[in-house]
């Protein structure tokens, strides 16, 4: 079942970006700028923050050019302690992070926007590919369970990016 899900993600990304979907896609290297992935949740400090940190680690480990940012539709001034301690336990240095509002500028610079339980279609429009990762387990209620659900989604996304380095 997971291989079917991964195949569907790969196919939809290929169709969206006009890339032929083949089983033997070749990753190309070019001097182009890194592609930006924007993760969006309500406060910009929970699911999107967890996704950003784990995505950036996975992308770096895989040698991908993509990098992520976290944004919120109604950002909080800080990160909840349960999220801070969960990310620290996962080995992330998070002291300088400040939640930020999602803006049109973020979307203009993005290759992909992923939202968590937020309707951001007015901001995203049709300018950029938008994935909705709704109804995942809460991170505040159970950090490990919420993180694992996000990381599972990220694994499929990073695998797709590794095939073509374009979300």
N, C-alpha and C. Protein backbone atom coordinates (compact mmCIF):
# COMPACT_ATOMS: atom_id res chain seq x y z
N UNK A 1 0.82 -1.19 0.00
CA UNK A 1 0.00 0.00 0.00
C UNK A 1 0.87 1.26 0.00
N UNK A 2 1.97 1.26 0.80
CA UNK A 2 2.86 2.42 0.85
C UNK A 2 3.49 2.69 -0.50
N UNK A 3 3.88 1.64 -1.23
CA UNK A 3 4.50 1.85 -2.54
C UNK A 3 3.52 2.47 -3.51
N UNK A 4 2.24 2.16 -3.38
CA UNK A 4 1.23 2.79 -4.23
C UNK A 4 1.12 4.26 -3.87
N UNK A 5 1.13 4.61 -2.57
CA UNK A 5 1.06 6.00 -2.14
C UNK A 5 2.26 6.79 -2.65
N UNK A 6 3.45 6.22 -2.53
CA UNK A 6 4.66 6.89 -3.01
C UNK A 6 4.57 7.07 -4.51
N UNK A 7 4.12 6.06 -5.22
CA UNK A 7 4.00 6.16 -6.68
C UNK A 7 3.02 7.25 -7.07
N UNK A 8 1.91 7.37 -6.35
CA UNK A 8 0.94 8.42 -6.64
C UNK A 8 1.51 9.80 -6.39
N UNK A 9 2.26 9.96 -5.30
CA UNK A 9 2.89 11.25 -5.01
C UNK A 9 3.88 11.59 -6.11
N UNK A 10 4.71 10.63 -6.50
CA UNK A 10 5.69 10.86 -7.55
C UNK A 10 5.03 11.23 -8.86
N UNK A 11 3.97 10.50 -9.21
CA UNK A 11 3.28 10.77 -10.45
C UNK A 11 2.66 12.16 -10.43
N UNK A 12 1.99 12.52 -9.32
CA UNK A 12 1.33 13.83 -9.26
C UNK A 12 2.35 14.96 -9.31
N UNK A 13 3.51 14.78 -8.68
CA UNK A 13 4.55 15.80 -8.76
C UNK A 13 5.09 15.91 -10.18
N UNK A 14 5.26 14.78 -10.84
CA UNK A 14 5.76 14.79 -12.21
C UNK A 14 4.78 15.48 -13.14
N UNK A 15 3.51 15.18 -13.00
CA UNK A 15 2.48 15.80 -13.84
C UNK A 15 2.43 17.30 -13.58
N UNK A 16 2.48 17.69 -12.31
CA UNK A 16 2.37 19.10 -11.95
C UNK A 16 3.51 19.93 -12.52
N UNK A 17 4.68 19.33 -12.64
CA UNK A 17 5.84 20.07 -13.11
C UNK A 17 6.26 19.69 -14.52
N UNK A 18 5.41 18.95 -15.22
CA UNK A 18 5.68 18.63 -16.61
C UNK A 18 6.88 17.72 -16.80
N UNK A 19 7.20 16.95 -15.81
CA UNK A 19 8.33 16.04 -15.86
C UNK A 19 7.84 14.65 -16.22
N UNK A 20 8.50 13.98 -17.14
CA UNK A 20 8.06 12.62 -17.42
C UNK A 20 8.22 11.73 -16.20
N UNK A 21 7.19 10.95 -15.90
CA UNK A 21 7.23 10.06 -14.74
C UNK A 21 7.75 8.70 -15.19
N UNK A 22 8.99 8.44 -14.89
CA UNK A 22 9.58 7.16 -15.25
C UNK A 22 10.15 6.51 -14.01
N UNK A 23 10.29 5.23 -14.08
CA UNK A 23 10.82 4.50 -12.93
C UNK A 23 12.31 4.75 -12.76
N UNK A 24 12.98 5.22 -13.81
CA UNK A 24 14.42 5.41 -13.75
C UNK A 24 14.78 6.88 -13.98
N UNK A 25 14.08 7.78 -13.31
CA UNK A 25 14.40 9.20 -13.43
C UNK A 25 15.81 9.43 -12.95
N UNK A 26 16.49 10.35 -13.60
CA UNK A 26 17.86 10.66 -13.26
C UNK A 26 17.90 12.01 -12.58
N UNK A 27 18.58 12.09 -11.44
CA UNK A 27 18.73 13.35 -10.75
C UNK A 27 19.80 14.15 -11.48
N UNK A 28 19.47 15.39 -11.78
CA UNK A 28 20.43 16.24 -12.46
C UNK A 28 20.96 17.26 -11.48
N UNK A 29 22.18 17.70 -11.73
CA UNK A 29 22.74 18.76 -10.91
C UNK A 29 22.82 20.00 -11.76
N UNK A 30 22.51 21.13 -11.16
CA UNK A 30 22.59 22.39 -11.87
C UNK A 30 22.91 23.47 -10.86
N UNK A 31 23.37 24.61 -11.34
CA UNK A 31 23.74 25.68 -10.42
C UNK A 31 22.55 26.48 -9.91
N UNK A 32 21.33 26.02 -10.18
CA UNK A 32 20.16 26.79 -9.77
C UNK A 32 20.06 26.89 -8.25
N UNK A 33 19.27 27.86 -7.83
CA UNK A 33 19.08 28.10 -6.41
C UNK A 33 18.31 26.95 -5.77
N UNK A 34 18.47 26.78 -4.46
CA UNK A 34 17.68 25.76 -3.77
C UNK A 34 16.19 26.05 -3.92
N UNK A 35 15.41 24.99 -3.95
CA UNK A 35 13.97 25.18 -4.00
C UNK A 35 13.44 25.28 -2.58
N UNK A 36 12.47 26.14 -2.39
CA UNK A 36 11.92 26.35 -1.06
C UNK A 36 10.59 25.64 -0.91
N UNK A 37 10.46 24.93 0.20
CA UNK A 37 9.21 24.30 0.60
C UNK A 37 8.72 25.07 1.81
N UNK A 38 7.45 25.46 1.78
CA UNK A 38 6.86 26.21 2.88
C UNK A 38 5.84 25.32 3.59
N UNK A 39 6.07 25.08 4.87
CA UNK A 39 5.13 24.32 5.70
C UNK A 39 4.31 25.33 6.51
N UNK A 40 2.98 25.16 6.51
CA UNK A 40 2.09 26.13 7.14
C UNK A 40 1.13 25.42 8.10
N UNK A 41 1.11 25.90 9.34
CA UNK A 41 0.10 25.47 10.30
C UNK A 41 -0.48 26.73 10.93
N UNK A 42 -1.40 26.59 11.82
CA UNK A 42 -2.07 27.77 12.38
C UNK A 42 -1.09 28.73 13.05
N UNK A 43 -0.28 28.23 13.95
CA UNK A 43 0.57 29.11 14.74
C UNK A 43 2.02 29.18 14.25
N UNK A 44 2.37 28.37 13.25
CA UNK A 44 3.73 28.41 12.72
C UNK A 44 4.78 27.92 13.68
N UNK A 45 4.33 27.24 14.73
CA UNK A 45 5.27 26.85 15.79
C UNK A 45 5.10 25.40 16.24
N UNK A 46 4.24 24.66 15.57
CA UNK A 46 4.01 23.29 15.99
C UNK A 46 4.24 22.36 14.80
N UNK A 47 3.20 21.97 14.07
CA UNK A 47 3.37 21.01 12.98
C UNK A 47 4.30 21.54 11.88
N UNK A 48 4.14 22.81 11.51
CA UNK A 48 5.00 23.34 10.44
C UNK A 48 6.46 23.42 10.90
N UNK A 49 6.67 23.73 12.15
CA UNK A 49 8.03 23.82 12.69
C UNK A 49 8.68 22.44 12.76
N UNK A 50 7.93 21.46 13.24
CA UNK A 50 8.43 20.09 13.29
C UNK A 50 8.75 19.60 11.87
N UNK A 51 7.84 19.88 10.93
CA UNK A 51 8.05 19.46 9.53
C UNK A 51 9.28 20.13 8.95
N UNK A 52 9.44 21.43 9.18
CA UNK A 52 10.60 22.16 8.66
C UNK A 52 11.92 21.56 9.15
N UNK A 53 12.01 21.36 10.45
CA UNK A 53 13.26 20.84 11.01
C UNK A 53 13.59 19.46 10.46
N UNK A 54 12.62 18.57 10.44
CA UNK A 54 12.87 17.21 9.95
C UNK A 54 13.10 17.19 8.45
N UNK A 55 12.35 18.01 7.71
CA UNK A 55 12.56 18.08 6.26
C UNK A 55 13.98 18.54 5.94
N UNK A 56 14.42 19.63 6.58
CA UNK A 56 15.75 20.16 6.28
C UNK A 56 16.85 19.16 6.60
N UNK A 57 16.69 18.41 7.68
CA UNK A 57 17.67 17.38 8.02
C UNK A 57 17.68 16.29 6.95
N UNK A 58 16.50 15.81 6.56
CA UNK A 58 16.41 14.74 5.56
C UNK A 58 16.93 15.21 4.20
N UNK A 59 16.59 16.43 3.82
CA UNK A 59 17.05 16.97 2.53
C UNK A 59 18.57 17.08 2.51
N UNK A 60 19.14 17.55 3.60
CA UNK A 60 20.60 17.66 3.67
C UNK A 60 21.25 16.28 3.62
N UNK A 61 20.71 15.33 4.37
CA UNK A 61 21.26 13.97 4.36
C UNK A 61 21.21 13.35 2.96
N UNK A 62 20.19 13.68 2.18
CA UNK A 62 20.03 13.13 0.83
C UNK A 62 20.72 13.97 -0.23
N UNK A 63 21.32 15.10 0.17
CA UNK A 63 22.01 15.96 -0.78
C UNK A 63 21.08 16.75 -1.68
N UNK A 64 19.86 17.01 -1.22
CA UNK A 64 18.90 17.76 -2.01
C UNK A 64 19.12 19.26 -1.85
N UNK A 65 18.73 20.00 -2.87
CA UNK A 65 18.85 21.46 -2.84
C UNK A 65 17.68 22.12 -2.10
N UNK A 66 16.63 21.40 -1.89
CA UNK A 66 15.43 21.95 -1.27
C UNK A 66 15.67 22.26 0.20
N UNK A 67 15.09 23.38 0.63
CA UNK A 67 15.11 23.76 2.03
C UNK A 67 13.71 24.24 2.39
N UNK A 68 13.36 24.11 3.66
CA UNK A 68 12.01 24.44 4.11
C UNK A 68 12.02 25.59 5.10
N UNK A 69 10.86 26.25 5.15
CA UNK A 69 10.58 27.26 6.17
C UNK A 69 9.23 26.91 6.79
N UNK A 70 9.01 27.39 8.00
CA UNK A 70 7.73 27.20 8.70
C UNK A 70 7.03 28.54 8.78
N UNK A 71 5.74 28.52 8.54
CA UNK A 71 4.94 29.74 8.62
C UNK A 71 3.62 29.42 9.30
N UNK A 72 2.95 30.47 9.77
CA UNK A 72 1.65 30.32 10.42
C UNK A 72 0.63 31.27 9.86
N UNK A 73 -0.63 30.90 9.96
CA UNK A 73 -1.70 31.80 9.54
C UNK A 73 -2.02 32.81 10.64
N UNK A 74 -1.76 32.43 11.89
CA UNK A 74 -1.90 33.31 13.05
C UNK A 74 -0.74 32.95 13.98
N UNK A 75 0.47 33.43 13.67
CA UNK A 75 1.64 32.98 14.43
C UNK A 75 1.60 33.37 15.90
N UNK A 76 2.12 32.47 16.71
CA UNK A 76 2.29 32.73 18.14
C UNK A 76 3.65 33.38 18.34
N UNK A 77 3.86 34.04 19.46
CA UNK A 77 5.16 34.70 19.68
C UNK A 77 6.30 33.72 19.95
N UNK A 78 5.98 32.50 20.34
CA UNK A 78 7.03 31.53 20.64
C UNK A 78 6.58 30.12 20.36
N UNK A 79 7.46 29.20 20.69
CA UNK A 79 7.21 27.78 20.45
C UNK A 79 6.80 27.12 21.77
N UNK A 80 5.71 26.35 21.77
CA UNK A 80 5.30 25.66 23.00
C UNK A 80 6.43 24.77 23.55
N UNK A 81 6.53 24.73 24.85
CA UNK A 81 7.62 23.99 25.50
C UNK A 81 7.64 22.52 25.10
N UNK A 82 6.49 21.88 24.94
CA UNK A 82 6.49 20.46 24.57
C UNK A 82 7.10 20.25 23.19
N UNK A 83 6.92 21.19 22.29
CA UNK A 83 7.52 21.10 20.96
C UNK A 83 9.02 21.37 21.05
N UNK A 84 9.39 22.39 21.83
CA UNK A 84 10.82 22.71 22.02
C UNK A 84 11.57 21.50 22.58
N UNK A 85 11.03 20.91 23.63
CA UNK A 85 11.74 19.77 24.24
C UNK A 85 11.73 18.56 23.33
N UNK A 86 10.65 18.34 22.58
CA UNK A 86 10.61 17.22 21.64
C UNK A 86 11.65 17.38 20.54
N UNK A 87 11.76 18.58 19.97
CA UNK A 87 12.75 18.81 18.92
C UNK A 87 14.17 18.76 19.46
N UNK A 88 14.38 19.28 20.67
CA UNK A 88 15.72 19.17 21.27
C UNK A 88 16.09 17.70 21.47
N UNK A 89 15.14 16.89 21.92
CA UNK A 89 15.39 15.46 22.11
C UNK A 89 15.70 14.78 20.78
N UNK A 90 15.15 15.32 19.68
CA UNK A 90 15.43 14.79 18.34
C UNK A 90 16.76 15.29 17.79
N UNK A 91 17.45 16.14 18.56
CA UNK A 91 18.77 16.60 18.16
C UNK A 91 18.81 17.91 17.39
N UNK A 92 17.76 18.70 17.49
CA UNK A 92 17.72 19.98 16.77
C UNK A 92 18.08 21.13 17.69
N UNK A 93 18.80 22.10 17.14
CA UNK A 93 19.11 23.35 17.83
C UNK A 93 18.06 24.35 17.38
N UNK A 94 17.20 24.77 18.28
CA UNK A 94 16.03 25.57 17.88
C UNK A 94 15.97 26.93 18.56
N UNK A 95 17.03 27.36 19.20
CA UNK A 95 16.98 28.56 20.02
C UNK A 95 16.65 29.83 19.24
N UNK A 96 17.00 29.94 17.98
CA UNK A 96 16.78 31.17 17.24
C UNK A 96 15.48 31.24 16.47
N UNK A 97 14.64 30.23 16.56
CA UNK A 97 13.43 30.20 15.75
C UNK A 97 12.35 31.11 16.32
N UNK A 98 11.75 31.92 15.45
CA UNK A 98 10.62 32.77 15.81
C UNK A 98 9.52 32.52 14.77
N UNK A 99 8.32 32.13 15.21
CA UNK A 99 7.22 31.89 14.26
C UNK A 99 6.93 33.15 13.43
N UNK A 100 6.61 32.92 12.14
CA UNK A 100 6.35 34.03 11.23
C UNK A 100 5.05 33.81 10.47
N UNK A 101 4.44 34.90 10.07
CA UNK A 101 3.20 34.90 9.31
C UNK A 101 3.45 34.48 7.86
N UNK A 102 2.58 33.64 7.33
CA UNK A 102 2.62 33.30 5.91
C UNK A 102 2.25 34.53 5.10
N UNK A 103 3.07 34.87 4.11
CA UNK A 103 2.80 36.02 3.24
C UNK A 103 2.86 35.58 1.78
N UNK A 104 2.39 36.45 0.91
CA UNK A 104 2.46 36.19 -0.53
C UNK A 104 3.91 36.05 -0.97
N UNK A 105 4.81 36.77 -0.32
CA UNK A 105 6.24 36.66 -0.64
C UNK A 105 6.74 35.23 -0.45
N UNK A 106 6.31 34.59 0.64
CA UNK A 106 6.71 33.20 0.89
C UNK A 106 6.26 32.30 -0.24
N UNK A 107 5.03 32.52 -0.70
CA UNK A 107 4.47 31.70 -1.77
C UNK A 107 5.19 31.97 -3.09
N UNK A 108 5.50 33.23 -3.37
CA UNK A 108 6.19 33.58 -4.60
C UNK A 108 7.56 32.91 -4.71
N UNK A 109 8.23 32.73 -3.58
CA UNK A 109 9.55 32.11 -3.58
C UNK A 109 9.52 30.59 -3.42
N UNK A 110 8.33 30.02 -3.31
CA UNK A 110 8.20 28.59 -3.02
C UNK A 110 8.03 27.76 -4.28
N UNK A 111 8.53 26.54 -4.20
CA UNK A 111 8.26 25.54 -5.22
C UNK A 111 7.11 24.64 -4.78
N UNK A 112 6.88 24.60 -3.47
CA UNK A 112 5.82 23.77 -2.91
C UNK A 112 5.38 24.36 -1.58
N UNK A 113 4.07 24.33 -1.33
CA UNK A 113 3.53 24.74 -0.04
C UNK A 113 2.74 23.55 0.51
N UNK A 114 3.00 23.21 1.77
CA UNK A 114 2.29 22.13 2.44
C UNK A 114 1.60 22.72 3.66
N UNK A 115 0.27 22.55 3.71
CA UNK A 115 -0.47 23.09 4.85
C UNK A 115 -0.99 21.96 5.74
N UNK A 116 -1.10 22.30 7.01
CA UNK A 116 -1.65 21.40 8.02
C UNK A 116 -2.94 22.01 8.55
N UNK A 117 -4.07 21.48 8.14
CA UNK A 117 -5.37 21.88 8.67
C UNK A 117 -5.67 23.38 8.52
N UNK A 118 -5.16 23.99 7.47
CA UNK A 118 -5.40 25.40 7.23
C UNK A 118 -5.85 25.61 5.79
N UNK A 119 -6.85 26.43 5.59
CA UNK A 119 -7.29 26.77 4.25
C UNK A 119 -6.52 28.01 3.80
N UNK A 120 -5.50 27.80 2.99
CA UNK A 120 -4.66 28.90 2.54
C UNK A 120 -4.79 29.11 1.02
N UNK A 121 -5.87 28.63 0.45
CA UNK A 121 -6.02 28.71 -1.00
C UNK A 121 -6.03 30.16 -1.49
N UNK A 122 -6.51 31.10 -0.70
CA UNK A 122 -6.50 32.50 -1.13
C UNK A 122 -5.09 33.05 -1.23
N UNK A 123 -4.21 32.59 -0.38
CA UNK A 123 -2.82 33.05 -0.42
C UNK A 123 -2.05 32.30 -1.50
N UNK A 124 -2.26 31.01 -1.60
CA UNK A 124 -1.49 30.18 -2.54
C UNK A 124 -2.04 30.31 -3.95
N UNK A 125 -3.37 30.32 -4.09
CA UNK A 125 -3.96 30.38 -5.43
C UNK A 125 -3.49 29.23 -6.30
N UNK A 126 -3.17 29.55 -7.54
CA UNK A 126 -2.66 28.53 -8.46
C UNK A 126 -1.21 28.78 -8.81
N UNK A 127 -0.56 29.65 -8.07
CA UNK A 127 0.84 30.03 -8.36
C UNK A 127 1.84 28.93 -8.06
N UNK A 128 1.51 28.07 -7.14
CA UNK A 128 2.48 27.07 -6.69
C UNK A 128 1.73 25.81 -6.28
N UNK A 129 2.40 24.69 -6.36
CA UNK A 129 1.82 23.41 -5.96
C UNK A 129 1.54 23.46 -4.46
N UNK A 130 0.36 22.98 -4.07
CA UNK A 130 -0.06 23.02 -2.68
C UNK A 130 -0.57 21.64 -2.28
N UNK A 131 0.04 21.09 -1.25
CA UNK A 131 -0.41 19.83 -0.67
C UNK A 131 -1.06 20.11 0.67
N UNK A 132 -2.12 19.38 0.97
CA UNK A 132 -2.79 19.50 2.27
C UNK A 132 -2.54 18.22 3.07
N UNK A 133 -1.88 18.37 4.19
CA UNK A 133 -1.67 17.24 5.09
C UNK A 133 -2.57 17.48 6.31
N UNK A 134 -3.84 17.29 6.11
CA UNK A 134 -4.83 17.56 7.15
C UNK A 134 -5.08 16.32 8.01
N UNK A 135 -5.60 16.57 9.20
CA UNK A 135 -6.05 15.52 10.12
C UNK A 135 -4.95 14.58 10.60
N UNK A 136 -3.71 15.06 10.65
CA UNK A 136 -2.65 14.26 11.26
C UNK A 136 -2.78 14.36 12.78
N UNK A 137 -2.25 13.39 13.50
CA UNK A 137 -2.32 13.45 14.97
C UNK A 137 -1.68 14.74 15.50
N UNK A 138 -2.20 15.24 16.60
CA UNK A 138 -1.69 16.46 17.20
C UNK A 138 -0.30 16.28 17.79
N UNK A 139 0.54 17.27 17.60
CA UNK A 139 1.89 17.25 18.14
C UNK A 139 1.89 17.67 19.61
N UNK A 140 1.04 18.59 19.97
CA UNK A 140 0.99 19.05 21.36
C UNK A 140 0.48 17.97 22.29
N UNK A 141 -0.51 17.21 21.84
CA UNK A 141 -1.10 16.17 22.68
C UNK A 141 -0.14 15.00 22.88
N UNK A 142 0.61 14.65 21.84
CA UNK A 142 1.53 13.51 21.89
C UNK A 142 2.62 13.76 20.86
N UNK A 143 3.71 14.39 21.32
CA UNK A 143 4.77 14.81 20.40
C UNK A 143 5.25 13.66 19.51
N UNK A 144 5.59 12.53 20.09
CA UNK A 144 6.14 11.42 19.32
C UNK A 144 5.18 10.93 18.24
N UNK A 145 3.92 10.78 18.60
CA UNK A 145 2.92 10.31 17.63
C UNK A 145 2.72 11.33 16.50
N UNK A 146 2.60 12.61 16.86
CA UNK A 146 2.43 13.66 15.86
C UNK A 146 3.65 13.78 14.97
N UNK A 147 4.83 13.76 15.57
CA UNK A 147 6.08 13.83 14.80
C UNK A 147 6.17 12.66 13.84
N UNK A 148 5.89 11.46 14.30
CA UNK A 148 5.99 10.28 13.45
C UNK A 148 5.05 10.35 12.25
N UNK A 149 3.87 10.90 12.44
CA UNK A 149 2.93 11.05 11.32
C UNK A 149 3.46 12.05 10.30
N UNK A 150 4.03 13.14 10.78
CA UNK A 150 4.62 14.14 9.88
C UNK A 150 5.82 13.56 9.16
N UNK A 151 6.69 12.88 9.88
CA UNK A 151 7.89 12.30 9.28
C UNK A 151 7.54 11.25 8.22
N UNK A 152 6.48 10.51 8.44
CA UNK A 152 6.04 9.54 7.44
C UNK A 152 5.68 10.25 6.13
N UNK A 153 4.97 11.36 6.23
CA UNK A 153 4.64 12.15 5.04
C UNK A 153 5.91 12.71 4.40
N UNK A 154 6.82 13.18 5.24
CA UNK A 154 8.07 13.75 4.74
C UNK A 154 8.91 12.72 4.00
N UNK A 155 8.92 11.49 4.50
CA UNK A 155 9.70 10.44 3.84
C UNK A 155 9.28 10.29 2.38
N UNK A 156 7.98 10.25 2.13
CA UNK A 156 7.48 10.13 0.75
C UNK A 156 7.84 11.36 -0.07
N UNK A 157 7.72 12.54 0.52
CA UNK A 157 8.06 13.77 -0.18
C UNK A 157 9.55 13.83 -0.53
N UNK A 158 10.39 13.52 0.42
CA UNK A 158 11.84 13.55 0.18
C UNK A 158 12.22 12.49 -0.86
N UNK A 159 11.60 11.33 -0.81
CA UNK A 159 11.86 10.32 -1.84
C UNK A 159 11.51 10.85 -3.22
N UNK A 160 10.40 11.54 -3.33
CA UNK A 160 9.99 12.12 -4.62
C UNK A 160 10.99 13.18 -5.07
N UNK A 161 11.42 14.01 -4.15
CA UNK A 161 12.40 15.04 -4.49
C UNK A 161 13.73 14.44 -4.91
N UNK A 162 14.11 13.36 -4.28
CA UNK A 162 15.38 12.71 -4.62
C UNK A 162 15.38 12.19 -6.05
N UNK A 163 14.22 11.89 -6.58
CA UNK A 163 14.15 11.42 -7.97
C UNK A 163 14.37 12.53 -8.98
N UNK A 164 13.99 13.74 -8.61
CA UNK A 164 14.12 14.82 -9.59
C UNK A 164 14.55 16.14 -9.02
N UNK A 165 14.77 16.23 -7.73
CA UNK A 165 15.21 17.45 -7.06
C UNK A 165 14.31 18.63 -7.39
N UNK A 166 13.03 18.37 -7.62
CA UNK A 166 12.06 19.42 -7.85
C UNK A 166 10.73 18.96 -7.27
N UNK A 167 10.21 19.72 -6.27
CA UNK A 167 8.98 19.25 -5.64
C UNK A 167 7.79 19.26 -6.57
